[in-house]
Amino acid sequence: MKISIIIPTYNERENIERLIPLIDNYMRGFNYEIIVVDDSSPDNTAKVAEALSAKYPVKVVKRPSKMGLSSAIYDGIRVSEGNVIVVMDADLQHPPAIIPKLVKHIDECDIVIASRYVRNGGIQGFGLFRFLISLGATMLARILIKGCRGVRDPVSGFFAAKREVLSAWRPIEPKGYKVLVEILGYLKPHRVCEEPYLFKQRASGTSKLGMRVILSYIRVLYKLNKTGFLILVLGALVFFAVLVYLLAKLI
């Protein structure tokens, strides 16, 4: 078994310098490779990763511009050699110590998700706004997307999957940021397992969460279930219209 660890990057120079040696520490005894897919980071993340390839099994895919997370992962899979694919962020919020635990269960599962929302999992350092955004995104995925129902953390960015399972996937939102929702919704895998982990604050750099990420996620939900999305939006509008009417009557 060979494991390919896909790490999309944009301005993650400081983190990638720390992350790759950490991965190697936990992956000793495994046949593995690291694929860094960089979107022309101004901070020279790609050069740092290339320098580390002299010591560690690292490949660097350099892309011409900021092209998005989903397409970065797809491009990483295309150049990878492993029959098990691990996807993780570069910001050290996804602990490398969890990778062997994900791989351990891959024989009995199509996808193994590092989950914040199963027993013994959790989130550390989230503000209220970030927590509510995460909770809302999770609930919407579980309501709207058939492949996400029954999955506690369908918006996790940290997971392992069999190569043959991912072979049929194509990004429906190339610049999308919630790749797992795409994969679960597109492929509807039969056996999805979840491994608990503690999600922590990023070590350095700035979060990519913003309005662009939120709008991209909404587009993914719409593309995966147009009818359900429109019904949900219509239901929400009716609910708020009734609420406004009742409040007006009380006043």
Protein backbone atom coordinates (compact mmCIF):
# COMPACT_ATOMS: atom_id res chain seq x y z
CA MET A 1 0.00 0.00 0.00
CA LYS A 2 1.27 3.46 -0.92
CA ILE A 3 -0.19 6.60 0.62
CA SER A 4 -0.32 9.93 -1.21
CA ILE A 5 -0.83 12.96 1.05
CA ILE A 6 -2.27 15.90 -0.89
CA ILE A 7 -1.62 19.36 0.60
CA PRO A 8 -3.00 22.41 -1.26
CA THR A 9 -1.13 25.60 -0.38
CA TYR A 10 -1.36 29.35 -0.76
CA ASN A 11 0.98 31.49 1.36
CA GLU A 12 1.81 28.67 3.78
CA ARG A 13 5.61 28.96 3.78
CA GLU A 14 6.07 28.96 7.57
CA ASN A 15 3.59 26.16 8.09
CA ILE A 16 4.88 23.88 5.33
CA GLU A 17 8.39 24.07 6.78
CA ARG A 18 7.03 22.61 10.01
CA LEU A 19 4.38 20.32 8.60
CA ILE A 20 6.46 18.15 6.26
CA PRO A 21 8.97 17.02 8.93
CA LEU A 22 6.03 16.33 11.28
CA ILE A 23 4.34 14.16 8.66
CA ASP A 24 7.56 12.23 8.13
CA ASN A 25 7.84 11.64 11.87
CA TYR A 26 4.42 9.96 11.99
CA MET A 27 4.69 8.16 8.64
CA ARG A 28 7.91 6.25 9.30
CA GLY A 29 7.35 2.66 8.33
CA PHE A 30 4.79 3.64 5.67
CA ASN A 31 5.35 3.85 1.93
CA TYR A 32 4.18 7.40 1.31
CA GLU A 33 4.59 10.57 -0.71
CA ILE A 34 3.59 14.19 -0.12
CA ILE A 35 2.08 16.19 -2.98
CA VAL A 36 2.18 19.95 -2.40
CA VAL A 37 -0.10 21.76 -4.85
CA ASP A 38 0.74 25.46 -4.77
CA ASP A 39 -1.23 28.27 -6.40
CA SER A 40 1.72 30.61 -7.09
CA SER A 41 2.09 31.72 -3.47
CA PRO A 42 3.82 35.14 -3.25
CA ASP A 43 5.64 33.96 -0.10
CA ASN A 44 7.53 31.25 -2.07
CA THR A 45 5.80 28.29 -0.45
CA ALA A 46 6.61 26.19 -3.54
CA LYS A 47 10.36 26.92 -3.29
CA VAL A 48 10.39 25.91 0.38
CA ALA A 49 8.57 22.67 -0.44
CA GLU A 50 10.98 21.94 -3.29
CA ALA A 51 13.94 22.44 -0.96
CA LEU A 52 12.41 19.96 1.49
CA SER A 53 12.12 17.38 -1.31
CA ALA A 54 15.87 16.79 -0.98
CA LYS A 55 15.20 15.14 2.38
CA TYR A 56 11.57 14.02 2.25
CA PRO A 57 9.39 12.30 -0.42
CA VAL A 58 7.82 15.53 -1.66
CA LYS A 59 6.48 16.42 -5.11
CA VAL A 60 5.50 20.00 -5.87
CA VAL A 61 2.81 20.94 -8.37
CA LYS A 62 3.11 24.63 -9.28
CA ARG A 63 -0.01 26.22 -10.72
CA PRO A 64 -0.05 29.58 -12.53
CA SER A 65 -2.58 31.37 -10.32
CA LYS A 66 -4.98 31.07 -7.39
CA MET A 67 -7.25 28.43 -8.94
CA GLY A 68 -9.10 27.07 -5.91
CA LEU A 69 -9.01 24.19 -3.48
CA SER A 70 -11.13 21.58 -5.28
CA SER A 71 -9.10 21.78 -8.47
CA ALA A 72 -5.85 21.74 -6.44
CA ILE A 73 -6.82 18.46 -4.81
CA TYR A 74 -7.91 17.04 -8.16
CA ASP A 75 -4.58 18.02 -9.75
CA GLY A 76 -2.73 16.50 -6.79
CA ILE A 77 -4.57 13.20 -7.19
CA ARG A 78 -3.74 13.13 -10.91
CA VAL A 79 0.03 13.23 -10.30
CA SER A 80 -0.03 10.99 -7.22
CA GLU A 81 0.97 7.32 -7.20
CA GLY A 82 -0.71 6.04 -4.03
CA ASN A 83 -3.67 3.68 -3.84
CA VAL A 84 -4.74 5.56 -0.68
CA ILE A 85 -5.24 9.34 -0.89
CA VAL A 86 -5.07 11.57 2.20
CA VAL A 87 -6.20 15.20 1.93
CA MET A 88 -5.21 17.74 4.58
CA ASP A 89 -4.58 21.46 5.06
CA ALA A 90 -1.12 22.99 5.42
CA ASP A 91 -1.96 25.22 8.39
CA LEU A 92 -1.27 22.63 11.14
CA GLN A 93 -4.93 22.56 12.16
CA HIS A 94 -4.98 18.99 10.87
CA PRO A 95 -2.57 17.03 13.12
CA PRO A 96 -0.32 14.60 11.19
CA ALA A 97 -0.61 12.14 14.09
CA ILE A 98 -4.13 11.36 12.84
CA ILE A 99 -2.99 10.19 9.38
CA PRO A 100 -2.03 6.63 10.48
CA LYS A 101 -5.40 6.34 12.24
CA LEU A 102 -7.24 7.27 9.05
CA VAL A 103 -5.19 4.81 7.01
CA LYS A 104 -5.75 2.06 9.59
CA HIS A 105 -9.48 1.94 8.78
CA ILE A 106 -9.25 2.31 5.01
CA ASP A 107 -9.62 -1.41 4.30
CA GLU A 108 -13.14 -1.51 5.74
CA CYS A 109 -14.20 1.97 4.56
CA ASP A 110 -14.40 3.85 1.27
CA ILE A 111 -13.64 7.16 2.98
CA VAL A 112 -12.34 7.81 6.50
CA ILE A 113 -13.03 11.33 7.78
CA ALA A 114 -11.11 13.09 10.54
CA SER A 115 -14.15 14.34 12.43
CA ARG A 116 -14.64 17.16 14.91
CA TYR A 117 -18.19 16.15 15.73
CA VAL A 118 -17.96 12.51 16.82
CA ARG A 119 -17.24 11.42 20.38
CA ASN A 120 -13.74 12.50 21.54
CA GLY A 121 -13.50 15.00 18.68
CA GLY A 122 -13.76 18.75 19.14
CA ILE A 123 -12.84 22.30 18.22
CA GLN A 124 -10.40 24.51 20.09
CA GLY A 125 -10.02 28.25 19.62
CA PHE A 126 -13.04 28.98 17.40
CA GLY A 127 -14.83 32.27 17.97
CA LEU A 128 -18.62 32.27 18.08
CA PHE A 129 -18.96 33.51 14.47
CA ARG A 130 -16.63 30.85 13.06
CA PHE A 131 -18.35 28.14 15.10
CA LEU A 132 -21.81 29.17 13.87
CA ILE A 133 -20.60 29.25 10.25
CA SER A 134 -19.17 25.73 10.62
CA LEU A 135 -22.30 24.44 12.34
CA GLY A 136 -24.57 26.00 9.70
CA ALA A 137 -22.51 24.56 6.84
CA THR A 138 -22.62 21.12 8.44
CA MET A 139 -26.38 21.20 8.96
CA LEU A 140 -27.07 22.39 5.40
CA ALA A 141 -24.93 19.59 3.94
CA ARG A 142 -26.67 16.95 6.04
CA ILE A 143 -30.12 18.26 5.12
CA LEU A 144 -29.57 18.83 1.39
CA ILE A 145 -26.99 16.29 0.23
CA LYS A 146 -27.91 12.61 0.27
CA GLY A 147 -24.31 11.41 0.55
CA CYS A 148 -23.78 13.60 3.65
CA ARG A 149 -26.71 12.25 5.65
CA GLY A 150 -25.50 10.18 8.55
CA VAL A 151 -22.04 11.80 8.40
CA ARG A 152 -21.28 13.90 11.47
CA ASP A 153 -18.62 16.12 9.86
CA PRO A 154 -19.24 16.27 6.10
CA VAL A 155 -17.41 19.61 5.78
CA SER A 156 -14.12 18.31 7.21
CA GLY A 157 -11.08 19.13 5.10
CA PHE A 158 -9.09 16.18 6.47
CA PHE A 159 -9.83 12.68 5.17
CA ALA A 160 -8.49 9.53 3.52
CA ALA A 161 -10.04 7.68 0.60
CA LYS A 162 -9.30 4.75 -1.64
CA ARG A 163 -7.99 5.80 -5.01
CA GLU A 164 -10.58 3.74 -6.88
CA VAL A 165 -13.34 5.55 -4.98
CA LEU A 166 -12.03 8.99 -5.97
CA SER A 167 -11.31 8.00 -9.58
CA ALA A 168 -14.87 8.90 -10.65
CA TRP A 169 -14.84 12.33 -8.98
CA ARG A 170 -14.52 15.54 -10.98
CA PRO A 171 -14.75 18.98 -9.29
CA ILE A 172 -18.18 20.52 -9.79
CA GLU A 173 -16.95 23.82 -8.34
CA PRO A 174 -13.23 24.04 -9.29
CA LYS A 175 -12.67 26.99 -6.95
CA GLY A 176 -14.73 25.35 -4.20
CA TYR A 177 -13.39 25.02 -0.68
CA LYS A 178 -15.48 22.19 0.82
CA VAL A 179 -14.19 19.30 -1.25
CA LEU A 180 -15.52 16.52 0.97
CA VAL A 181 -19.12 17.71 0.49
CA GLU A 182 -18.54 17.54 -3.28
CA ILE A 183 -17.09 14.04 -3.04
CA LEU A 184 -19.82 12.70 -0.74
CA GLY A 185 -22.56 14.30 -2.82
CA TYR A 186 -21.11 13.28 -6.18
CA LEU A 187 -19.97 9.74 -5.37
CA LYS A 188 -22.37 8.75 -2.54
CA PRO A 189 -19.88 6.22 -1.10
CA HIS A 190 -21.37 3.24 0.74
CA ARG A 191 -18.94 2.99 3.63
CA VAL A 192 -17.97 6.24 5.36
CA CYS A 193 -16.13 6.08 8.70
CA GLU A 194 -15.16 8.90 11.06
CA GLU A 195 -12.11 9.19 13.31
CA PRO A 196 -12.19 11.81 16.10
CA TYR A 197 -9.64 14.60 16.27
CA LEU A 198 -9.22 17.99 17.91
CA PHE A 199 -9.28 20.91 15.48
CA LYS A 200 -7.02 23.74 16.72
CA GLN A 201 -6.21 27.29 15.69
CA ARG A 202 -3.80 27.67 12.79
CA ALA A 203 -0.15 28.01 13.78
CA SER A 204 0.59 30.99 11.52
CA GLY A 205 -0.79 32.80 8.49
CA THR A 206 -4.36 33.93 7.95
CA SER A 207 -7.59 31.97 7.58
CA LYS A 208 -9.02 31.58 4.06
CA LEU A 209 -12.60 31.82 5.36
CA GLY A 210 -14.44 34.77 3.86
CA MET A 211 -17.43 35.70 1.73
CA ARG A 212 -15.88 34.05 -1.34
CA VAL A 213 -15.67 30.73 0.53
CA ILE A 214 -19.26 31.03 1.79
CA LEU A 215 -20.65 31.83 -1.69
CA SER A 216 -18.64 29.00 -3.22
CA TYR A 217 -20.12 26.58 -0.68
CA ILE A 218 -23.64 27.77 -1.47
CA ARG A 219 -22.97 27.13 -5.18
CA VAL A 220 -21.81 23.58 -4.39
CA LEU A 221 -25.00 22.85 -2.44
CA TYR A 222 -27.11 24.27 -5.27
CA LYS A 223 -25.32 22.24 -7.95
CA LEU A 224 -25.62 19.01 -5.97
CA ASN A 225 -29.32 19.43 -5.16
CA LYS A 226 -31.03 22.25 -7.08
CA THR A 227 -34.58 21.23 -6.12
CA GLY A 228 -33.84 20.75 -2.42
CA PHE A 229 -31.88 24.01 -2.29
CA LEU A 230 -34.72 26.02 -3.84
CA ILE A 231 -37.29 24.40 -1.53
CA LEU A 232 -35.12 25.24 1.48
CA VAL A 233 -34.70 28.87 0.35
CA LEU A 234 -38.43 29.19 -0.33
CA GLY A 235 -39.25 27.67 3.06
CA ALA A 236 -36.90 30.11 4.79
CA LEU A 237 -38.48 33.07 2.98
CA VAL A 238 -41.99 31.92 3.95
CA PHE A 239 -40.88 31.42 7.55
CA PHE A 240 -39.41 34.92 7.80
CA ALA A 241 -42.44 36.45 6.06
CA VAL A 242 -44.77 34.79 8.59
CA LEU A 243 -42.48 35.87 11.44
CA VAL A 244 -42.49 39.50 10.25
CA TYR A 245 -46.29 39.38 9.86
CA LEU A 246 -46.79 38.03 13.40
CA LEU A 247 -44.41 40.60 14.87
CA ALA A 248 -46.25 43.37 13.01
CA LYS A 249 -49.57 42.15 14.43
CA LEU A 250 -48.14 42.18 17.97
CA ILE A 251 -46.84 45.73 17.55
